[in-house]
Amino acid sequence: MIQTETTALALSREIREKKRTVRETVQETLKKIHETDSSIGAFLTLRPEEELLEHADRIQQQIDDGTLNSPLAGVPVAVQRFSHAQGLPVRRGAIASPLPRGPVFTAQKRPGKRCALRGDGRVP
């Protein structure tokens, strides 16, 4: 179980030392999000769990075979988008913000432009 005070580097070290897998880490992270986010409202959307777990398995394989050795490899990361990513809902404002929230809409890729973050490979 991921402890609240666990750092990203400590989590990554546990993955590299095979004390936990990337899949287990993602599953624990999703469980914590589902348990707590209804009262916090930090996440507008999550990628489908099956997609996240398949991605976790690919990352684990790359860690295991030595092709991925980033200090944070395998550590789940929440991304606050300030721009649009194709196919993902976008909302202006947050539940915790005193500013009025805008409508939800789904971003579309613009001709000649790559979608921010996910589309250009910085966030899978």
Protein backbone atom coordinates (compact mmCIF):
# COMPACT_ATOMS: atom_id res chain seq x y z
CA MET A 1 0.00 0.00 0.00
CA ILE A 2 1.27 3.46 -0.90
CA GLN A 3 1.69 5.55 2.23
CA THR A 4 0.62 9.20 2.06
CA GLU A 5 4.12 10.37 2.94
CA THR A 6 5.84 8.19 0.32
CA THR A 7 7.86 10.26 -2.14
CA ALA A 8 7.88 9.68 -5.89
CA LEU A 9 11.58 8.78 -5.73
CA ALA A 10 10.94 6.23 -2.96
CA LEU A 11 8.14 4.70 -5.02
CA SER A 12 10.40 4.52 -8.06
CA ARG A 13 13.14 2.86 -6.00
CA GLU A 14 10.64 0.22 -4.79
CA ILE A 15 9.69 -0.47 -8.41
CA ARG A 16 13.32 -0.79 -9.53
CA GLU A 17 14.10 -3.04 -6.54
CA LYS A 18 11.06 -5.20 -7.43
CA LYS A 19 9.35 -4.57 -4.09
CA ARG A 20 6.30 -3.51 -6.10
CA THR A 21 5.28 -3.49 -9.76
CA VAL A 22 4.14 -0.56 -11.87
CA ARG A 23 0.76 -2.29 -12.27
CA GLU A 24 0.33 -2.56 -8.47
CA THR A 25 1.32 1.07 -8.07
CA VAL A 26 -1.23 2.21 -10.68
CA GLN A 27 -3.95 0.03 -9.14
CA GLU A 28 -3.28 1.47 -5.66
CA THR A 29 -3.24 4.99 -7.05
CA LEU A 30 -6.57 4.49 -8.84
CA LYS A 31 -8.11 2.99 -5.70
CA LYS A 32 -7.04 6.03 -3.67
CA ILE A 33 -8.42 8.39 -6.34
CA HIS A 34 -11.77 6.57 -6.36
CA GLU A 35 -11.92 6.60 -2.54
CA THR A 36 -11.14 10.29 -2.09
CA ASP A 37 -11.81 12.33 -5.21
CA SER A 38 -15.58 12.65 -4.84
CA SER A 39 -14.97 15.01 -1.91
CA ILE A 40 -11.94 16.74 -3.43
CA GLY A 41 -12.83 17.08 -7.10
CA ALA A 42 -9.22 17.10 -8.29
CA PHE A 43 -9.76 14.91 -11.35
CA LEU A 44 -12.01 15.85 -14.23
CA THR A 45 -11.20 12.67 -16.10
CA LEU A 46 -9.06 9.56 -15.91
CA ARG A 47 -7.91 7.42 -18.77
CA PRO A 48 -9.75 4.06 -18.79
CA GLU A 49 -8.35 1.66 -16.17
CA GLU A 50 -7.66 -1.08 -18.73
CA GLU A 51 -5.63 1.37 -20.82
CA LEU A 52 -3.66 2.52 -17.76
CA LEU A 53 -2.88 -1.04 -16.69
CA GLU A 54 -1.76 -2.03 -20.20
CA HIS A 55 0.50 1.02 -20.22
CA ALA A 56 1.80 0.09 -16.75
CA ASP A 57 2.72 -3.38 -18.05
CA ARG A 58 4.60 -1.87 -21.01
CA ILE A 59 6.49 0.48 -18.69
CA GLN A 60 7.32 -2.43 -16.36
CA GLN A 61 8.72 -4.41 -19.29
CA GLN A 62 10.90 -1.46 -20.32
CA ILE A 63 12.18 -1.07 -16.75
CA ASP A 64 12.87 -4.80 -16.52
CA ASP A 65 14.76 -4.98 -19.81
CA GLY A 66 16.76 -1.82 -19.06
CA THR A 67 15.43 0.33 -21.90
CA LEU A 68 13.76 2.74 -19.45
CA ASN A 69 15.84 3.99 -16.55
CA SER A 70 14.30 7.35 -15.71
CA PRO A 71 14.40 8.18 -11.99
CA LEU A 72 10.60 8.37 -11.99
CA ALA A 73 9.87 5.46 -14.32
CA GLY A 74 6.65 3.73 -13.32
CA VAL A 75 5.44 6.42 -10.94
CA PRO A 76 1.88 7.58 -11.76
CA VAL A 77 1.62 11.31 -12.39
CA ALA A 78 -1.47 13.51 -12.45
CA VAL A 79 -1.27 16.17 -15.14
CA GLN A 80 -3.01 19.50 -14.85
CA ARG A 81 -3.72 20.48 -18.39
CA PHE A 82 -3.60 24.13 -19.32
CA SER A 83 -4.23 23.21 -22.93
CA HIS A 84 -6.37 20.71 -24.75
CA ALA A 85 -5.61 17.04 -25.42
CA GLN A 86 -7.56 15.34 -28.20
CA GLY A 87 -10.52 13.31 -26.99
CA LEU A 88 -10.27 14.34 -23.35
CA PRO A 89 -12.85 16.54 -21.63
CA VAL A 90 -11.81 20.06 -20.75
CA ARG A 91 -13.34 22.32 -18.10
CA ARG A 92 -12.25 25.80 -17.20
CA GLY A 93 -11.91 26.23 -13.44
CA ALA A 94 -11.83 23.75 -10.59
CA ILE A 95 -14.28 22.77 -7.87
CA ALA A 96 -12.01 24.34 -5.24
CA SER A 97 -11.64 27.59 -7.18
CA PRO A 98 -13.76 30.58 -6.19
CA LEU A 99 -13.97 31.51 -9.87
CA PRO A 100 -16.97 30.33 -11.91
CA ARG A 101 -16.43 27.07 -13.75
CA GLY A 102 -16.89 26.90 -17.49
CA PRO A 103 -18.65 24.20 -19.49
CA VAL A 104 -17.17 20.77 -20.18
CA PHE A 105 -16.27 20.04 -23.78
CA THR A 106 -14.07 17.55 -25.59
CA ALA A 107 -10.94 18.89 -27.23
CA GLN A 108 -10.36 18.10 -30.87
CA LYS A 109 -7.06 18.06 -32.68
CA ARG A 110 -6.61 21.13 -34.81
CA PRO A 111 -5.30 20.66 -38.35
CA GLY A 112 -1.53 21.05 -38.43
CA LYS A 113 -1.26 21.01 -34.63
CA ARG A 114 -0.38 18.17 -32.31
CA CYS A 115 -2.51 17.79 -29.21
CA ALA A 116 -0.84 19.10 -26.10
CA LEU A 117 1.06 16.74 -23.80
CA ARG A 118 -0.36 13.35 -24.72
CA GLY A 119 -0.12 13.79 -28.48
CA ASP A 120 3.48 14.89 -28.55
CA GLY A 121 4.78 12.05 -26.42
CA ARG A 122 5.59 13.92 -23.21
CA VAL A 123 2.66 12.22 -21.50
CA PRO A 124 1.67 8.80 -22.86
